[in-house]
Amino acid sequence: MHAATLSFRAGEDFAEQTRSLAQGLGLKSSDYIRQAVEEKNAQVMAQRIAALSKELAADHLSFNESLEGALADGLD
């Protein structure tokens, strides 16, 4: 796996808090940030999947309701 480097600007308070929390967990700051981003990415993906699932369910419900009238159209 080829590793890429990301950099971003952060305020000193954010950087110090991140270092402190990472140290408290026995992690390097970069590992702590990597885990946080992975968790956030998973959360965003789960929210997206839930939204798409809800949209698809609504589409299916609408389609099924449109077919209900066809059940009594003389096809006995």
N, C-alpha and C. Protein backbone atom coordinates (compact mmCIF):
# COMPACT_ATOMS: atom_id res chain seq x y z
N MET A 1 0.84 -1.17 0.00
CA MET A 1 0.00 0.00 0.00
C MET A 1 0.89 1.24 0.00
N HIS A 2 0.62 2.12 -0.90
CA HIS A 2 1.37 3.38 -0.97
C HIS A 2 0.70 4.39 -0.05
N ALA A 3 1.49 4.98 0.83
CA ALA A 3 0.95 5.95 1.77
C ALA A 3 1.02 7.35 1.17
N ALA A 4 -0.01 8.11 1.37
CA ALA A 4 -0.06 9.50 0.93
C ALA A 4 0.00 10.38 2.17
N THR A 5 0.45 11.57 1.98
CA THR A 5 0.53 12.52 3.07
C THR A 5 -0.52 13.60 2.89
N LEU A 6 -1.27 13.85 3.95
CA LEU A 6 -2.23 14.95 3.97
C LEU A 6 -1.75 15.94 5.02
N SER A 7 -1.97 17.18 4.74
CA SER A 7 -1.66 18.18 5.76
C SER A 7 -2.79 19.19 5.79
N PHE A 8 -2.98 19.78 6.95
CA PHE A 8 -4.01 20.80 7.10
C PHE A 8 -3.60 21.74 8.23
N ARG A 9 -4.13 22.90 8.18
CA ARG A 9 -3.85 23.89 9.22
C ARG A 9 -4.88 23.73 10.34
N ALA A 10 -4.39 23.80 11.55
CA ALA A 10 -5.27 23.70 12.71
C ALA A 10 -4.78 24.69 13.75
N GLY A 11 -5.72 25.18 14.52
CA GLY A 11 -5.36 26.08 15.60
C GLY A 11 -4.53 25.36 16.66
N GLU A 12 -3.79 26.11 17.43
CA GLU A 12 -2.93 25.51 18.45
C GLU A 12 -3.74 24.75 19.49
N ASP A 13 -4.92 25.24 19.85
CA ASP A 13 -5.76 24.54 20.82
C ASP A 13 -6.18 23.17 20.29
N PHE A 14 -6.59 23.14 19.04
CA PHE A 14 -6.99 21.88 18.41
C PHE A 14 -5.81 20.91 18.38
N ALA A 15 -4.66 21.40 17.96
CA ALA A 15 -3.47 20.55 17.86
C ALA A 15 -3.08 20.00 19.22
N GLU A 16 -3.10 20.84 20.24
CA GLU A 16 -2.71 20.39 21.59
C GLU A 16 -3.71 19.39 22.14
N GLN A 17 -4.99 19.65 21.93
CA GLN A 17 -6.01 18.72 22.40
C GLN A 17 -5.87 17.37 21.69
N THR A 18 -5.61 17.41 20.41
CA THR A 18 -5.43 16.18 19.64
C THR A 18 -4.21 15.41 20.15
N ARG A 19 -3.11 16.09 20.36
CA ARG A 19 -1.90 15.44 20.88
C ARG A 19 -2.17 14.81 22.25
N SER A 20 -2.87 15.56 23.10
CA SER A 20 -3.14 15.09 24.45
C SER A 20 -4.05 13.85 24.44
N LEU A 21 -5.10 13.90 23.66
CA LEU A 21 -6.01 12.75 23.58
C LEU A 21 -5.32 11.53 22.97
N ALA A 22 -4.53 11.75 21.95
CA ALA A 22 -3.80 10.65 21.32
C ALA A 22 -2.84 10.02 22.32
N GLN A 23 -2.11 10.85 23.04
CA GLN A 23 -1.16 10.35 24.03
C GLN A 23 -1.89 9.56 25.11
N GLY A 24 -3.04 10.05 25.52
CA GLY A 24 -3.83 9.35 26.53
C GLY A 24 -4.27 7.96 26.09
N LEU A 25 -4.40 7.79 24.79
CA LEU A 25 -4.78 6.48 24.23
C LEU A 25 -3.58 5.66 23.79
N GLY A 26 -2.39 6.23 23.97
CA GLY A 26 -1.18 5.52 23.57
C GLY A 26 -0.96 5.52 22.07
N LEU A 27 -1.47 6.54 21.39
CA LEU A 27 -1.36 6.62 19.94
C LEU A 27 -0.52 7.83 19.54
N LYS A 28 0.03 7.74 18.34
CA LYS A 28 0.62 8.93 17.74
C LYS A 28 -0.52 9.81 17.25
N SER A 29 -0.26 11.10 17.17
CA SER A 29 -1.30 12.03 16.70
C SER A 29 -1.81 11.63 15.32
N SER A 30 -0.91 11.22 14.45
CA SER A 30 -1.33 10.85 13.09
C SER A 30 -2.25 9.63 13.11
N ASP A 31 -1.96 8.65 13.98
CA ASP A 31 -2.83 7.47 14.07
C ASP A 31 -4.20 7.85 14.65
N TYR A 32 -4.19 8.74 15.64
CA TYR A 32 -5.44 9.19 16.25
C TYR A 32 -6.31 9.90 15.20
N ILE A 33 -5.70 10.79 14.45
CA ILE A 33 -6.44 11.52 13.40
C ILE A 33 -6.92 10.56 12.33
N ARG A 34 -6.08 9.62 11.92
CA ARG A 34 -6.46 8.63 10.90
C ARG A 34 -7.70 7.86 11.35
N GLN A 35 -7.69 7.40 12.61
CA GLN A 35 -8.84 6.66 13.13
C GLN A 35 -10.10 7.52 13.18
N ALA A 36 -9.93 8.77 13.57
CA ALA A 36 -11.08 9.68 13.64
C ALA A 36 -11.68 9.91 12.25
N VAL A 37 -10.83 10.08 11.26
CA VAL A 37 -11.32 10.29 9.89
C VAL A 37 -11.99 9.03 9.37
N GLU A 38 -11.40 7.86 9.65
CA GLU A 38 -12.02 6.60 9.21
C GLU A 38 -13.40 6.42 9.84
N GLU A 39 -13.51 6.75 11.13
CA GLU A 39 -14.82 6.65 11.81
C GLU A 39 -15.82 7.62 11.20
N LYS A 40 -15.39 8.84 10.92
CA LYS A 40 -16.28 9.84 10.32
C LYS A 40 -16.71 9.40 8.92
N ASN A 41 -15.78 8.87 8.14
CA ASN A 41 -16.11 8.38 6.80
C ASN A 41 -17.15 7.26 6.87
N ALA A 42 -16.98 6.35 7.82
CA ALA A 42 -17.94 5.26 7.99
C ALA A 42 -19.31 5.80 8.40
N GLN A 43 -19.31 6.80 9.27
CA GLN A 43 -20.58 7.41 9.71
C GLN A 43 -21.29 8.09 8.54
N VAL A 44 -20.55 8.83 7.74
CA VAL A 44 -21.14 9.51 6.58
C VAL A 44 -21.68 8.48 5.59
N MET A 45 -20.93 7.41 5.35
CA MET A 45 -21.38 6.37 4.43
C MET A 45 -22.65 5.70 4.96
N ALA A 46 -22.71 5.43 6.25
CA ALA A 46 -23.90 4.81 6.85
C ALA A 46 -25.11 5.73 6.72
N GLN A 47 -24.91 7.02 6.92
CA GLN A 47 -26.00 7.98 6.76
C GLN A 47 -26.48 8.01 5.31
N ARG A 48 -25.55 7.97 4.38
CA ARG A 48 -25.89 7.99 2.95
C ARG A 48 -26.67 6.73 2.57
N ILE A 49 -26.21 5.58 3.06
CA ILE A 49 -26.90 4.32 2.77
C ILE A 49 -28.31 4.35 3.36
N ALA A 50 -28.45 4.87 4.58
CA ALA A 50 -29.77 4.96 5.21
C ALA A 50 -30.69 5.87 4.42
N ALA A 51 -30.17 7.00 3.95
CA ALA A 51 -30.99 7.93 3.16
C ALA A 51 -31.42 7.30 1.85
N LEU A 52 -30.51 6.61 1.18
CA LEU A 52 -30.85 5.94 -0.08
C LEU A 52 -31.85 4.82 0.14
N SER A 53 -31.69 4.09 1.24
CA SER A 53 -32.61 3.01 1.56
C SER A 53 -34.01 3.56 1.82
N LYS A 54 -34.09 4.67 2.55
CA LYS A 54 -35.38 5.30 2.82
C LYS A 54 -36.03 5.77 1.52
N GLU A 55 -35.22 6.35 0.65
CA GLU A 55 -35.74 6.82 -0.65
C GLU A 55 -36.25 5.65 -1.49
N LEU A 56 -35.50 4.57 -1.51
CA LEU A 56 -35.90 3.40 -2.27
C LEU A 56 -37.17 2.78 -1.70
N ALA A 57 -37.27 2.73 -0.37
CA ALA A 57 -38.47 2.19 0.27
C ALA A 57 -39.69 3.04 -0.09
N ALA A 58 -39.53 4.34 -0.12
CA ALA A 58 -40.64 5.22 -0.48
C ALA A 58 -41.05 5.00 -1.93
N ASP A 59 -40.07 4.81 -2.81
CA ASP A 59 -40.37 4.53 -4.22
C ASP A 59 -41.14 3.22 -4.35
N HIS A 60 -40.70 2.19 -3.62
CA HIS A 60 -41.38 0.88 -3.69
C HIS A 60 -42.79 0.98 -3.14
N LEU A 61 -42.96 1.72 -2.05
CA LEU A 61 -44.29 1.89 -1.47
C LEU A 61 -45.21 2.58 -2.47
N SER A 62 -44.72 3.62 -3.10
CA SER A 62 -45.51 4.34 -4.09
C SER A 62 -45.90 3.43 -5.25
N PHE A 63 -44.95 2.63 -5.71
CA PHE A 63 -45.21 1.70 -6.81
C PHE A 63 -46.24 0.65 -6.40
N ASN A 64 -46.07 0.09 -5.20
CA ASN A 64 -47.01 -0.93 -4.73
C ASN A 64 -48.41 -0.36 -4.55
N GLU A 65 -48.50 0.87 -4.06
CA GLU A 65 -49.80 1.50 -3.92
C GLU A 65 -50.45 1.74 -5.27
N SER A 66 -49.65 2.03 -6.28
CA SER A 66 -50.21 2.26 -7.61
C SER A 66 -50.74 0.96 -8.21
N LEU A 67 -50.22 -0.18 -7.78
CA LEU A 67 -50.69 -1.47 -8.28
C LEU A 67 -51.94 -1.97 -7.56
N GLU A 68 -52.21 -1.45 -6.39
CA GLU A 68 -53.37 -1.91 -5.62
C GLU A 68 -54.66 -1.76 -6.41
N GLY A 69 -54.82 -0.71 -7.14
CA GLY A 69 -56.02 -0.52 -7.94
C GLY A 69 -56.13 -1.53 -9.06
N ALA A 70 -55.02 -2.08 -9.49
CA ALA A 70 -55.03 -3.03 -10.59
C ALA A 70 -55.50 -4.41 -10.12
N LEU A 71 -55.54 -4.64 -8.84
CA LEU A 71 -55.97 -5.94 -8.35
C LEU A 71 -57.45 -6.20 -8.60
N ALA A 72 -58.22 -5.13 -8.71
CA ALA A 72 -59.66 -5.29 -8.91
C ALA A 72 -60.06 -4.80 -10.31
N ASP A 73 -59.24 -5.04 -11.29
CA ASP A 73 -59.53 -4.54 -12.63
C ASP A 73 -60.16 -5.60 -13.53
N GLY A 74 -60.74 -6.65 -12.93
CA GLY A 74 -61.44 -7.65 -13.70
C GLY A 74 -60.61 -8.85 -14.05
N LEU A 75 -59.45 -8.99 -13.48
CA LEU A 75 -58.61 -10.16 -13.76
C LEU A 75 -58.83 -11.21 -12.69
N ASP A 76 -60.02 -11.80 -12.68
CA ASP A 76 -60.35 -12.83 -11.67
C ASP A 76 -59.87 -14.17 -12.08
